[in-house]
Amino acid sequence: MGPTERRQREREEVRTRILDAARELFVSEGYDAVTMRRIAERIEYSPTAIYFHFKDKEALMGELCAVDFYTLAVQLTKIARLDDPVERLRRIGHAYADFAAEFPNHYRLMFMTPHPVGNIPDEAMQRRDNPEEDAYAFLKSTVAQAIAEKRLRPEHSDAELVSQTMWAGVHGVVSLNIAKECDPWVEWRPIKKRVTTMIDILVDGLAKAKRGK
């Protein structure tokens, strides 16, 4: 590895450390309470080093969102080869829940922490509406295929509405688990059973009954 490649790798490593520290702080202390100086202190760098990579906190948040939403998209599109859109819809729900379990800090920041949505990098904006790189577009394209193939009940003909309802249902289960899993007030059932029950209720309620049932 030459000097140029080594410097590039070091810059990427620092950038990743900044993003990881910012994500953790935004989740634990709230976006508004965290300063660039606070992030620099967490990784023992000077604020100047942070500004070398990101012009301000909003730009840093935009990059975090771009990185984390792309990570989610990659997780979901692993199941794109499934031909049956109804089965794929069911698997999308499970893949989404698996992402929340594997990357809880990512999930908290993406879906459970208030923050501005501006300053999304151009590269990330170019992924929008591409089912191969946009998790919501992948969900919506699956629902649209199920509607086109008349696999859903006729009253469920709005792909946006069905997609958002499916998303909201699974999000409710996983976010409640993240926020309240240590709460002894409720005798919690295993998270996988709760996720499966919610997905089955949603998908079976949306889909036409199979012949013979």
N, C-alpha and C. Protein backbone atom coordinates (compact mmCIF):
# COMPACT_ATOMS: atom_id res chain seq x y z
N MET A 1 0.84 -1.19 0.00
CA MET A 1 0.00 0.00 0.00
C MET A 1 0.88 1.25 0.00
N GLY A 2 0.63 2.16 -0.96
CA GLY A 2 1.43 3.37 -1.06
C GLY A 2 0.95 4.44 -0.10
N PRO A 3 1.70 5.56 -0.02
CA PRO A 3 1.34 6.64 0.91
C PRO A 3 -0.04 7.22 0.64
N THR A 4 -0.42 7.36 -0.63
CA THR A 4 -1.73 7.94 -0.95
C THR A 4 -2.85 7.03 -0.46
N GLU A 5 -2.72 5.74 -0.73
CA GLU A 5 -3.75 4.79 -0.29
C GLU A 5 -3.82 4.74 1.24
N ARG A 6 -2.64 4.82 1.88
CA ARG A 6 -2.62 4.78 3.34
C ARG A 6 -3.34 6.00 3.94
N ARG A 7 -3.07 7.17 3.36
CA ARG A 7 -3.73 8.38 3.86
C ARG A 7 -5.24 8.32 3.65
N GLN A 8 -5.64 7.79 2.49
CA GLN A 8 -7.06 7.67 2.21
C GLN A 8 -7.73 6.72 3.21
N ARG A 9 -7.07 5.62 3.52
CA ARG A 9 -7.64 4.67 4.48
C ARG A 9 -7.73 5.31 5.86
N GLU A 10 -6.72 6.07 6.25
CA GLU A 10 -6.74 6.74 7.55
C GLU A 10 -7.87 7.76 7.62
N ARG A 11 -8.09 8.49 6.51
CA ARG A 11 -9.20 9.46 6.49
C ARG A 11 -10.54 8.75 6.64
N GLU A 12 -10.68 7.62 5.97
CA GLU A 12 -11.93 6.87 6.07
C GLU A 12 -12.14 6.33 7.48
N GLU A 13 -11.07 5.90 8.11
CA GLU A 13 -11.17 5.39 9.47
C GLU A 13 -11.60 6.48 10.44
N VAL A 14 -11.02 7.68 10.27
CA VAL A 14 -11.40 8.81 11.13
C VAL A 14 -12.86 9.18 10.88
N ARG A 15 -13.25 9.20 9.62
CA ARG A 15 -14.63 9.54 9.27
C ARG A 15 -15.61 8.55 9.91
N THR A 16 -15.27 7.29 9.88
CA THR A 16 -16.12 6.27 10.49
C THR A 16 -16.20 6.46 12.00
N ARG A 17 -15.08 6.78 12.63
CA ARG A 17 -15.09 7.03 14.08
C ARG A 17 -15.98 8.22 14.42
N ILE A 18 -15.92 9.26 13.60
CA ILE A 18 -16.76 10.44 13.83
C ILE A 18 -18.23 10.06 13.73
N LEU A 19 -18.59 9.33 12.68
CA LEU A 19 -19.98 8.92 12.49
C LEU A 19 -20.47 8.04 13.63
N ASP A 20 -19.66 7.09 14.06
CA ASP A 20 -20.06 6.19 15.15
C ASP A 20 -20.26 6.96 16.45
N ALA A 21 -19.34 7.89 16.73
CA ALA A 21 -19.46 8.69 17.96
C ALA A 21 -20.69 9.59 17.90
N ALA A 22 -20.91 10.22 16.75
CA ALA A 22 -22.07 11.11 16.60
C ALA A 22 -23.37 10.34 16.75
N ARG A 23 -23.45 9.18 16.13
CA ARG A 23 -24.67 8.36 16.24
C ARG A 23 -24.97 8.03 17.69
N GLU A 24 -23.97 7.60 18.42
CA GLU A 24 -24.15 7.23 19.82
C GLU A 24 -24.59 8.43 20.65
N LEU A 25 -23.98 9.58 20.42
CA LEU A 25 -24.32 10.78 21.20
C LEU A 25 -25.69 11.31 20.84
N PHE A 26 -26.03 11.33 19.56
CA PHE A 26 -27.35 11.81 19.15
C PHE A 26 -28.45 10.96 19.78
N VAL A 27 -28.21 9.66 19.86
CA VAL A 27 -29.21 8.77 20.45
C VAL A 27 -29.31 8.97 21.95
N SER A 28 -28.17 9.06 22.64
CA SER A 28 -28.18 9.11 24.10
C SER A 28 -28.50 10.49 24.66
N GLU A 29 -28.10 11.56 23.94
CA GLU A 29 -28.27 12.91 24.49
C GLU A 29 -29.22 13.79 23.69
N GLY A 30 -29.62 13.34 22.51
CA GLY A 30 -30.51 14.13 21.67
C GLY A 30 -29.73 14.99 20.69
N TYR A 31 -30.27 15.11 19.48
CA TYR A 31 -29.57 15.84 18.43
C TYR A 31 -29.26 17.27 18.84
N ASP A 32 -30.24 17.98 19.38
CA ASP A 32 -30.06 19.41 19.70
C ASP A 32 -29.01 19.63 20.78
N ALA A 33 -28.84 18.68 21.69
CA ALA A 33 -27.92 18.87 22.82
C ALA A 33 -26.47 18.61 22.45
N VAL A 34 -26.24 17.94 21.35
CA VAL A 34 -24.88 17.53 20.99
C VAL A 34 -24.23 18.57 20.08
N THR A 35 -23.01 18.95 20.41
CA THR A 35 -22.25 19.89 19.59
C THR A 35 -21.12 19.16 18.86
N MET A 36 -20.57 19.81 17.87
CA MET A 36 -19.41 19.24 17.17
C MET A 36 -18.25 19.08 18.14
N ARG A 37 -18.10 20.01 19.06
CA ARG A 37 -17.04 19.90 20.06
C ARG A 37 -17.24 18.67 20.93
N ARG A 38 -18.50 18.39 21.28
CA ARG A 38 -18.81 17.22 22.10
C ARG A 38 -18.42 15.94 21.36
N ILE A 39 -18.69 15.88 20.07
CA ILE A 39 -18.33 14.71 19.27
C ILE A 39 -16.81 14.57 19.23
N ALA A 40 -16.13 15.69 19.04
CA ALA A 40 -14.66 15.66 18.99
C ALA A 40 -14.08 15.15 20.31
N GLU A 41 -14.66 15.57 21.41
CA GLU A 41 -14.18 15.12 22.72
C GLU A 41 -14.36 13.61 22.87
N ARG A 42 -15.46 13.08 22.35
CA ARG A 42 -15.74 11.65 22.49
C ARG A 42 -14.65 10.81 21.83
N ILE A 43 -14.12 11.25 20.69
CA ILE A 43 -13.10 10.46 20.00
C ILE A 43 -11.70 11.04 20.22
N GLU A 44 -11.60 12.03 21.12
CA GLU A 44 -10.32 12.63 21.49
C GLU A 44 -9.61 13.25 20.28
N TYR A 45 -10.40 14.00 19.50
CA TYR A 45 -9.86 14.77 18.39
C TYR A 45 -10.19 16.24 18.63
N SER A 46 -9.54 17.10 17.89
CA SER A 46 -9.87 18.52 17.99
C SER A 46 -11.11 18.80 17.13
N PRO A 47 -11.91 19.81 17.48
CA PRO A 47 -13.05 20.17 16.63
C PRO A 47 -12.65 20.45 15.19
N THR A 48 -11.45 20.99 15.00
CA THR A 48 -10.97 21.27 13.65
C THR A 48 -10.94 20.00 12.81
N ALA A 49 -10.55 18.90 13.41
CA ALA A 49 -10.49 17.62 12.69
C ALA A 49 -11.88 17.19 12.24
N ILE A 50 -12.89 17.46 13.07
CA ILE A 50 -14.26 17.12 12.70
C ILE A 50 -14.71 17.96 11.51
N TYR A 51 -14.40 19.26 11.57
CA TYR A 51 -14.83 20.15 10.49
C TYR A 51 -14.10 19.88 9.19
N PHE A 52 -12.98 19.21 9.25
CA PHE A 52 -12.29 18.81 8.02
C PHE A 52 -13.14 17.82 7.22
N HIS A 53 -13.93 17.01 7.96
CA HIS A 53 -14.75 16.00 7.31
C HIS A 53 -16.19 16.46 7.08
N PHE A 54 -16.72 17.27 7.97
CA PHE A 54 -18.12 17.70 7.87
C PHE A 54 -18.20 19.20 8.18
N LYS A 55 -18.88 19.95 7.32
CA LYS A 55 -18.90 21.41 7.48
C LYS A 55 -19.70 21.85 8.70
N ASP A 56 -20.69 21.05 9.11
CA ASP A 56 -21.47 21.39 10.30
C ASP A 56 -22.22 20.15 10.78
N LYS A 57 -22.96 20.32 11.87
CA LYS A 57 -23.65 19.17 12.48
C LYS A 57 -24.75 18.64 11.57
N GLU A 58 -25.42 19.51 10.85
CA GLU A 58 -26.49 19.07 9.98
C GLU A 58 -25.94 18.22 8.83
N ALA A 59 -24.79 18.61 8.31
CA ALA A 59 -24.16 17.81 7.25
C ALA A 59 -23.75 16.44 7.78
N LEU A 60 -23.27 16.42 9.02
CA LEU A 60 -22.88 15.15 9.64
C LEU A 60 -24.11 14.25 9.79
N MET A 61 -25.23 14.83 10.23
CA MET A 61 -26.45 14.05 10.37
C MET A 61 -26.94 13.54 9.02
N GLY A 62 -26.82 14.37 7.99
CA GLY A 62 -27.22 13.94 6.66
C GLY A 62 -26.42 12.74 6.19
N GLU A 63 -25.12 12.77 6.46
CA GLU A 63 -24.27 11.64 6.09
C GLU A 63 -24.63 10.39 6.89
N LEU A 64 -24.91 10.56 8.18
CA LEU A 64 -25.31 9.43 9.01
C LEU A 64 -26.58 8.78 8.46
N CYS A 65 -27.55 9.59 8.12
CA CYS A 65 -28.80 9.05 7.59
C CYS A 65 -28.55 8.31 6.28
N ALA A 66 -27.72 8.90 5.42
CA ALA A 66 -27.42 8.26 4.14
C ALA A 66 -26.77 6.89 4.35
N VAL A 67 -25.81 6.83 5.25
CA VAL A 67 -25.09 5.58 5.51
C VAL A 67 -26.03 4.53 6.12
N ASP A 68 -26.79 4.94 7.12
CA ASP A 68 -27.61 3.97 7.85
C ASP A 68 -28.80 3.48 7.02
N PHE A 69 -29.43 4.37 6.25
CA PHE A 69 -30.54 3.93 5.42
C PHE A 69 -30.06 3.03 4.28
N TYR A 70 -28.85 3.28 3.80
CA TYR A 70 -28.31 2.39 2.76
C TYR A 70 -28.01 1.01 3.35
N THR A 71 -27.52 0.99 4.59
CA THR A 71 -27.28 -0.29 5.27
C THR A 71 -28.58 -1.08 5.38
N LEU A 72 -29.67 -0.40 5.72
CA LEU A 72 -30.97 -1.06 5.80
C LEU A 72 -31.39 -1.58 4.42
N ALA A 73 -31.20 -0.77 3.40
CA ALA A 73 -31.58 -1.18 2.04
C ALA A 73 -30.85 -2.44 1.63
N VAL A 74 -29.57 -2.51 1.93
CA VAL A 74 -28.78 -3.69 1.58
C VAL A 74 -29.32 -4.92 2.30
N GLN A 75 -29.70 -4.75 3.58
CA GLN A 75 -30.26 -5.88 4.34
C GLN A 75 -31.53 -6.40 3.68
N LEU A 76 -32.40 -5.48 3.26
CA LEU A 76 -33.68 -5.89 2.71
C LEU A 76 -33.56 -6.50 1.33
N THR A 77 -32.73 -5.90 0.49
CA THR A 77 -32.68 -6.36 -0.89
C THR A 77 -31.98 -7.71 -1.05
N LYS A 78 -31.47 -8.26 0.02
CA LYS A 78 -30.94 -9.62 -0.03
C LYS A 78 -32.03 -10.63 -0.37
N ILE A 79 -33.28 -10.25 -0.14
CA ILE A 79 -34.39 -11.18 -0.41
C ILE A 79 -35.10 -10.83 -1.71
N ALA A 80 -34.52 -9.99 -2.55
CA ALA A 80 -35.18 -9.54 -3.78
C ALA A 80 -35.44 -10.69 -4.74
N ARG A 81 -34.67 -11.76 -4.64
CA ARG A 81 -34.82 -12.85 -5.62
C ARG A 81 -36.07 -13.70 -5.37
N LEU A 82 -36.76 -13.50 -4.27
CA LEU A 82 -38.00 -14.25 -4.03
C LEU A 82 -39.06 -13.81 -5.04
N ASP A 83 -39.63 -14.75 -5.79
CA ASP A 83 -40.58 -14.40 -6.84
C ASP A 83 -41.95 -14.03 -6.29
N ASP A 84 -42.38 -14.69 -5.25
CA ASP A 84 -43.72 -14.48 -4.69
C ASP A 84 -43.75 -13.16 -3.91
N PRO A 85 -44.49 -12.14 -4.36
CA PRO A 85 -44.47 -10.85 -3.67
C PRO A 85 -45.06 -10.88 -2.26
N VAL A 86 -46.01 -11.77 -2.03
CA VAL A 86 -46.61 -11.86 -0.69
C VAL A 86 -45.60 -12.47 0.28
N GLU A 87 -44.92 -13.51 -0.14
CA GLU A 87 -43.89 -14.10 0.71
C GLU A 87 -42.74 -13.13 0.90
N ARG A 88 -42.41 -12.38 -0.16
CA ARG A 88 -41.34 -11.38 -0.05
C ARG A 88 -41.74 -10.29 0.94
N LEU A 89 -43.01 -9.89 0.92
CA LEU A 89 -43.49 -8.89 1.88
C LEU A 89 -43.32 -9.39 3.31
N ARG A 90 -43.64 -10.64 3.51
CA ARG A 90 -43.48 -11.23 4.85
C ARG A 90 -42.00 -11.23 5.26
N ARG A 91 -41.14 -11.59 4.33
CA ARG A 91 -39.71 -11.65 4.62
C ARG A 91 -39.12 -10.25 4.84
N ILE A 92 -39.67 -9.25 4.15
CA ILE A 92 -39.21 -7.88 4.36
C ILE A 92 -39.46 -7.48 5.82
N GLY A 93 -40.62 -7.83 6.33
CA GLY A 93 -40.93 -7.51 7.73
C GLY A 93 -39.93 -8.12 8.68
N HIS A 94 -39.57 -9.38 8.44
CA HIS A 94 -38.60 -10.04 9.32
C HIS A 94 -37.20 -9.44 9.14
N ALA A 95 -36.82 -9.10 7.91
CA ALA A 95 -35.50 -8.51 7.68
C ALA A 95 -35.40 -7.14 8.35
N TYR A 96 -36.48 -6.39 8.34
CA TYR A 96 -36.51 -5.08 9.00
C TYR A 96 -36.31 -5.26 10.51
N ALA A 97 -37.01 -6.22 11.10
CA ALA A 97 -36.86 -6.48 12.53
C ALA A 97 -35.46 -6.97 12.86
N ASP A 98 -34.89 -7.78 11.98
CA ASP A 98 -33.52 -8.27 12.19
C ASP A 98 -32.52 -7.11 12.17
N PHE A 99 -32.75 -6.15 11.27
CA PHE A 99 -31.89 -4.98 11.21
C PHE A 99 -31.93 -4.21 12.53
N ALA A 100 -33.12 -4.03 13.08
CA ALA A 100 -33.26 -3.32 14.36
C ALA A 100 -32.53 -4.05 15.48
N ALA A 101 -32.58 -5.38 15.45
CA ALA A 101 -31.90 -6.17 16.49
C ALA A 101 -30.39 -6.13 16.32
N GLU A 102 -29.91 -6.13 15.08
CA GLU A 102 -28.47 -6.15 14.82
C GLU A 102 -27.83 -4.78 14.98
N PHE A 103 -28.59 -3.73 14.63
CA PHE A 103 -28.05 -2.37 14.68
C PHE A 103 -28.99 -1.47 15.49
N PRO A 104 -29.12 -1.71 16.80
CA PRO A 104 -30.09 -0.93 17.58
C PRO A 104 -29.80 0.56 17.62
N ASN A 105 -28.51 0.95 17.65
CA ASN A 105 -28.20 2.38 17.66
C ASN A 105 -28.54 3.03 16.33
N HIS A 106 -28.27 2.33 15.24
CA HIS A 106 -28.68 2.84 13.93
C HIS A 106 -30.20 3.06 13.92
N TYR A 107 -30.91 2.04 14.41
CA TYR A 107 -32.37 2.09 14.36
C TYR A 107 -32.91 3.23 15.23
N ARG A 108 -32.35 3.39 16.42
CA ARG A 108 -32.80 4.47 17.30
C ARG A 108 -32.64 5.82 16.62
N LEU A 109 -31.49 6.02 15.98
CA LEU A 109 -31.25 7.31 15.34
C LEU A 109 -32.16 7.50 14.13
N MET A 110 -32.34 6.47 13.32
CA MET A 110 -33.13 6.59 12.10
C MET A 110 -34.61 6.80 12.37
N PHE A 111 -35.16 6.11 13.37
CA PHE A 111 -36.60 6.06 13.53
C PHE A 111 -37.13 6.48 14.90
N MET A 112 -36.24 6.73 15.86
CA MET A 112 -36.71 7.02 17.21
C MET A 112 -36.09 8.28 17.81
N THR A 113 -35.27 9.01 17.05
CA THR A 113 -34.62 10.21 17.54
C THR A 113 -34.99 11.39 16.66
N PRO A 114 -35.66 12.42 17.19
CA PRO A 114 -36.00 13.59 16.36
C PRO A 114 -34.74 14.28 15.86
N HIS A 115 -34.72 14.63 14.58
CA HIS A 115 -33.58 15.33 14.00
C HIS A 115 -33.99 15.92 12.66
N PRO A 116 -33.27 16.93 12.18
CA PRO A 116 -33.59 17.52 10.88
C PRO A 116 -33.32 16.52 9.77
N VAL A 117 -34.01 16.70 8.65
CA VAL A 117 -33.84 15.75 7.54
C VAL A 117 -33.18 16.42 6.33
N GLY A 118 -32.71 17.63 6.48
CA GLY A 118 -32.06 18.32 5.38
C GLY A 118 -30.63 17.86 5.17
N ASN A 119 -30.01 18.42 4.16
CA ASN A 119 -28.59 18.17 3.86
C ASN A 119 -28.26 16.71 3.59
N ILE A 120 -29.18 15.99 2.96
CA ILE A 120 -28.87 14.62 2.57
C ILE A 120 -27.93 14.68 1.37
N PRO A 121 -26.83 13.96 1.40
CA PRO A 121 -25.86 14.02 0.30
C PRO A 121 -26.50 13.68 -1.04
N ASP A 122 -25.98 14.31 -2.12
CA ASP A 122 -26.52 14.07 -3.46
C ASP A 122 -26.49 12.60 -3.83
N GLU A 123 -25.41 11.92 -3.44
CA GLU A 123 -25.29 10.50 -3.75
C GLU A 123 -26.44 9.70 -3.16
N ALA A 124 -26.85 10.06 -1.94
CA ALA A 124 -27.95 9.36 -1.29
C ALA A 124 -29.28 9.70 -1.97
N MET A 125 -29.46 10.96 -2.37
CA MET A 125 -30.69 11.37 -3.03
C MET A 125 -30.87 10.63 -4.35
N GLN A 126 -29.78 10.29 -5.00
CA GLN A 126 -29.86 9.57 -6.27
C GLN A 126 -30.37 8.14 -6.08
N ARG A 127 -30.30 7.63 -4.85
CA ARG A 127 -30.81 6.28 -4.58
C ARG A 127 -32.32 6.26 -4.39
N ARG A 128 -32.91 7.42 -4.18
CA ARG A 128 -34.34 7.49 -3.88
C ARG A 128 -35.16 6.88 -5.02
N ASP A 129 -36.15 6.08 -4.65
CA ASP A 129 -37.07 5.41 -5.57
C ASP A 129 -36.41 4.30 -6.38
N ASN A 130 -35.18 3.94 -6.03
CA ASN A 130 -34.52 2.80 -6.67
C ASN A 130 -34.66 1.60 -5.74
N PRO A 131 -35.47 0.62 -6.10
CA PRO A 131 -35.70 -0.53 -5.20
C PRO A 131 -34.44 -1.28 -4.81
N GLU A 132 -33.38 -1.14 -5.59
CA GLU A 132 -32.14 -1.85 -5.27
C GLU A 132 -31.31 -1.13 -4.21
N GLU A 133 -31.62 0.15 -3.96
CA GLU A 133 -30.81 0.93 -3.02
C GLU A 133 -31.64 1.74 -2.02
N ASP A 134 -32.95 1.66 -2.11
CA ASP A 134 -33.85 2.44 -1.26
C ASP A 134 -34.81 1.45 -0.60
N ALA A 135 -34.72 1.31 0.72
CA ALA A 135 -35.51 0.30 1.43
C ALA A 135 -37.01 0.53 1.25
N TYR A 136 -37.45 1.78 1.33
CA TYR A 136 -38.89 2.04 1.17
C TYR A 136 -39.34 1.75 -0.26
N ALA A 137 -38.51 2.10 -1.24
CA ALA A 137 -38.87 1.81 -2.62
C ALA A 137 -38.96 0.31 -2.85
N PHE A 138 -38.10 -0.46 -2.20
CA PHE A 138 -38.14 -1.92 -2.32
C PHE A 138 -39.44 -2.47 -1.72
N LEU A 139 -39.82 -1.97 -0.55
CA LEU A 139 -41.07 -2.37 0.07
C LEU A 139 -42.25 -2.02 -0.84
N LYS A 140 -42.26 -0.78 -1.34
CA LYS A 140 -43.38 -0.32 -2.16
C LYS A 140 -43.47 -1.09 -3.47
N SER A 141 -42.33 -1.41 -4.08
CA SER A 141 -42.36 -2.16 -5.34
C SER A 141 -42.90 -3.57 -5.12
N THR A 142 -42.59 -4.15 -3.96
CA THR A 142 -43.12 -5.47 -3.63
C THR A 142 -44.63 -5.42 -3.46
N VAL A 143 -45.11 -4.41 -2.76
CA VAL A 143 -46.56 -4.24 -2.57
C VAL A 143 -47.23 -3.99 -3.92
N ALA A 144 -46.63 -3.14 -4.75
CA ALA A 144 -47.21 -2.84 -6.06
C ALA A 144 -47.30 -4.10 -6.92
N GLN A 145 -46.30 -4.96 -6.84
CA GLN A 145 -46.35 -6.21 -7.59
C GLN A 145 -47.48 -7.10 -7.08
N ALA A 146 -47.63 -7.18 -5.77
CA ALA A 146 -48.71 -7.99 -5.19
C ALA A 146 -50.08 -7.47 -5.63
N ILE A 147 -50.21 -6.14 -5.69
CA ILE A 147 -51.48 -5.54 -6.14
C ILE A 147 -51.70 -5.85 -7.62
N ALA A 148 -50.67 -5.67 -8.43
CA ALA A 148 -50.79 -5.91 -9.87
C ALA A 148 -51.15 -7.36 -10.18
N GLU A 149 -50.63 -8.28 -9.38
CA GLU A 149 -50.91 -9.70 -9.59
C GLU A 149 -52.19 -10.15 -8.88
N LYS A 150 -52.92 -9.17 -8.30
CA LYS A 150 -54.19 -9.43 -7.61
C LYS A 150 -54.03 -10.43 -6.47
N ARG A 151 -52.91 -10.28 -5.75
CA ARG A 151 -52.64 -11.15 -4.61
C ARG A 151 -53.17 -10.56 -3.30
N LEU A 152 -53.54 -9.26 -3.33
CA LEU A 152 -54.10 -8.63 -2.13
C LEU A 152 -55.61 -8.46 -2.29
N ARG A 153 -56.28 -8.30 -1.19
CA ARG A 153 -57.72 -8.05 -1.24
C ARG A 153 -57.97 -6.78 -2.06
N PRO A 154 -59.06 -6.72 -2.81
CA PRO A 154 -59.28 -5.61 -3.73
C PRO A 154 -59.34 -4.24 -3.06
N GLU A 155 -59.74 -4.20 -1.78
CA GLU A 155 -59.80 -2.91 -1.10
C GLU A 155 -58.42 -2.36 -0.76
N HIS A 156 -57.40 -3.20 -0.86
CA HIS A 156 -56.04 -2.76 -0.57
C HIS A 156 -55.29 -2.51 -1.89
N SER A 157 -55.64 -1.40 -2.53
CA SER A 157 -55.11 -1.11 -3.86
C SER A 157 -54.15 0.09 -3.88
N ASP A 158 -53.92 0.70 -2.74
CA ASP A 158 -53.02 1.86 -2.64
C ASP A 158 -51.66 1.37 -2.12
N ALA A 159 -50.66 1.30 -3.00
CA ALA A 159 -49.36 0.75 -2.61
C ALA A 159 -48.69 1.58 -1.52
N GLU A 160 -48.87 2.89 -1.58
CA GLU A 160 -48.28 3.75 -0.54
C GLU A 160 -48.91 3.44 0.81
N LEU A 161 -50.23 3.36 0.85
CA LEU A 161 -50.94 3.13 2.11
C LEU A 161 -50.59 1.76 2.69
N VAL A 162 -50.58 0.74 1.85
CA VAL A 162 -50.26 -0.60 2.33
C VAL A 162 -48.82 -0.65 2.84
N SER A 163 -47.90 -0.03 2.10
CA SER A 163 -46.48 -0.03 2.51
C SER A 163 -46.31 0.66 3.84
N GLN A 164 -46.92 1.82 4.00
CA GLN A 164 -46.77 2.58 5.23
C GLN A 164 -47.42 1.89 6.41
N THR A 165 -48.52 1.19 6.18
CA THR A 165 -49.18 0.44 7.25
C THR A 165 -48.32 -0.74 7.68
N MET A 166 -47.77 -1.46 6.71
CA MET A 166 -46.88 -2.59 7.02
C MET A 166 -45.68 -2.10 7.82
N TRP A 167 -45.08 -1.01 7.37
CA TRP A 167 -43.91 -0.43 8.04
C TRP A 167 -44.27 -0.05 9.48
N ALA A 168 -45.41 0.65 9.64
CA ALA A 168 -45.80 1.13 10.96
C ALA A 168 -46.04 -0.03 11.93
N GLY A 169 -46.64 -1.10 11.45
CA GLY A 169 -46.91 -2.23 12.33
C GLY A 169 -45.65 -2.88 12.87
N VAL A 170 -44.70 -3.16 11.97
CA VAL A 170 -43.45 -3.80 12.42
C VAL A 170 -42.62 -2.83 13.24
N HIS A 171 -42.60 -1.57 12.84
CA HIS A 171 -41.88 -0.56 13.63
C HIS A 171 -42.41 -0.50 15.06
N GLY A 172 -43.72 -0.58 15.20
CA GLY A 172 -44.30 -0.52 16.55
C GLY A 172 -43.77 -1.62 17.45
N VAL A 173 -43.65 -2.83 16.92
CA VAL A 173 -43.17 -3.95 17.73
C VAL A 173 -41.70 -3.77 18.09
N VAL A 174 -40.86 -3.44 17.09
CA VAL A 174 -39.42 -3.39 17.36
C VAL A 174 -39.04 -2.16 18.18
N SER A 175 -39.70 -1.03 17.95
CA SER A 175 -39.36 0.16 18.72
C SER A 175 -39.80 0.02 20.17
N LEU A 176 -40.95 -0.61 20.38
CA LEU A 176 -41.40 -0.87 21.75
C LEU A 176 -40.43 -1.79 22.46
N ASN A 177 -39.90 -2.75 21.73
CA ASN A 177 -38.93 -3.67 22.33
C ASN A 177 -37.65 -2.94 22.72
N ILE A 178 -37.16 -2.06 21.83
CA ILE A 178 -35.95 -1.30 22.12
C ILE A 178 -36.15 -0.39 23.32
N ALA A 179 -37.31 0.28 23.36
CA ALA A 179 -37.55 1.28 24.41
C ALA A 179 -37.94 0.66 25.75
N LYS A 180 -38.60 -0.50 25.73
CA LYS A 180 -39.20 -1.00 26.96
C LYS A 180 -38.81 -2.44 27.32
N GLU A 181 -37.79 -3.00 26.66
CA GLU A 181 -37.49 -4.40 26.88
C GLU A 181 -37.09 -4.71 28.33
N CYS A 182 -36.59 -3.71 29.04
CA CYS A 182 -36.17 -3.94 30.43
C CYS A 182 -37.25 -3.55 31.44
N ASP A 183 -38.42 -3.17 30.96
CA ASP A 183 -39.50 -2.76 31.83
C ASP A 183 -40.16 -4.00 32.44
N PRO A 184 -40.10 -4.17 33.76
CA PRO A 184 -40.65 -5.38 34.38
C PRO A 184 -42.17 -5.34 34.54
N TRP A 185 -42.80 -4.21 34.18
CA TRP A 185 -44.24 -4.06 34.39
C TRP A 185 -45.03 -5.04 33.52
N VAL A 186 -44.47 -5.33 32.33
CA VAL A 186 -45.15 -6.21 31.38
C VAL A 186 -44.42 -7.54 31.31
N GLU A 187 -45.16 -8.61 31.25
CA GLU A 187 -44.56 -9.93 31.08
C GLU A 187 -44.36 -10.18 29.58
N TRP A 188 -43.22 -9.67 29.08
CA TRP A 188 -42.98 -9.67 27.64
C TRP A 188 -42.83 -11.07 27.08
N ARG A 189 -43.44 -11.29 25.96
CA ARG A 189 -43.21 -12.51 25.20
C ARG A 189 -41.95 -12.32 24.35
N PRO A 190 -41.31 -13.39 23.89
CA PRO A 190 -40.08 -13.25 23.09
C PRO A 190 -40.31 -12.36 21.87
N ILE A 191 -39.33 -11.52 21.58
CA ILE A 191 -39.47 -10.55 20.51
C ILE A 191 -39.73 -11.23 19.17
N LYS A 192 -39.09 -12.35 18.90
CA LYS A 192 -39.32 -13.02 17.61
C LYS A 192 -40.78 -13.46 17.47
N LYS A 193 -41.39 -13.90 18.56
CA LYS A 193 -42.79 -14.29 18.50
C LYS A 193 -43.69 -13.08 18.28
N ARG A 194 -43.35 -11.96 18.91
CA ARG A 194 -44.15 -10.75 18.71
C ARG A 194 -44.04 -10.23 17.28
N VAL A 195 -42.81 -10.27 16.75
CA VAL A 195 -42.60 -9.84 15.36
C VAL A 195 -43.37 -10.74 14.40
N THR A 196 -43.25 -12.05 14.57
CA THR A 196 -43.93 -12.99 13.68
C THR A 196 -45.43 -12.83 13.74
N THR A 197 -45.96 -12.65 14.95
CA THR A 197 -47.41 -12.47 15.10
C THR A 197 -47.88 -11.22 14.38
N MET A 198 -47.16 -10.11 14.55
CA MET A 198 -47.55 -8.87 13.88
C MET A 198 -47.49 -9.01 12.37
N ILE A 199 -46.41 -9.59 11.85
CA ILE A 199 -46.26 -9.74 10.40
C ILE A 199 -47.36 -10.64 9.84
N ASP A 200 -47.65 -11.74 10.53
CA ASP A 200 -48.70 -12.65 10.06
C ASP A 200 -50.06 -11.96 10.05
N ILE A 201 -50.34 -11.18 11.09
CA ILE A 201 -51.62 -10.46 11.14
C ILE A 201 -51.72 -9.48 9.98
N LEU A 202 -50.65 -8.74 9.73
CA LEU A 202 -50.66 -7.76 8.65
C LEU A 202 -50.76 -8.41 7.28
N VAL A 203 -49.87 -9.33 7.00
CA VAL A 203 -49.82 -9.92 5.66
C VAL A 203 -51.07 -10.77 5.39
N ASP A 204 -51.48 -11.59 6.35
CA ASP A 204 -52.66 -12.42 6.14
C ASP A 204 -53.93 -11.58 6.03
N GLY A 205 -53.93 -10.43 6.70
CA GLY A 205 -55.08 -9.54 6.59
C GLY A 205 -55.13 -8.80 5.27
N LEU A 206 -53.98 -8.57 4.66
CA LEU A 206 -53.91 -7.86 3.38
C LEU A 206 -54.14 -8.80 2.20
N ALA A 207 -53.62 -10.02 2.30
CA ALA A 207 -53.61 -10.94 1.16
C ALA A 207 -54.93 -11.66 0.99
N LYS A 208 -55.20 -12.04 -0.25
CA LYS A 208 -56.35 -12.88 -0.52
C LYS A 208 -56.10 -14.26 0.07
N ALA A 209 -57.16 -14.89 0.55
CA ALA A 209 -57.01 -16.24 1.08
C ALA A 209 -56.63 -17.19 -0.04
N LYS A 210 -55.78 -18.15 0.27
CA LYS A 210 -55.40 -19.14 -0.72
C LYS A 210 -56.58 -20.06 -1.04
N ARG A 211 -56.61 -20.57 -2.22
CA ARG A 211 -57.69 -21.46 -2.62
C ARG A 211 -57.73 -22.68 -1.69
N GLY A 212 -58.93 -23.06 -1.36
CA GLY A 212 -59.09 -24.21 -0.48
C GLY A 212 -59.20 -23.82 0.98
N LYS A 213 -59.07 -22.49 1.26
CA LYS A 213 -59.19 -22.05 2.65
C LYS A 213 -60.44 -21.20 2.81
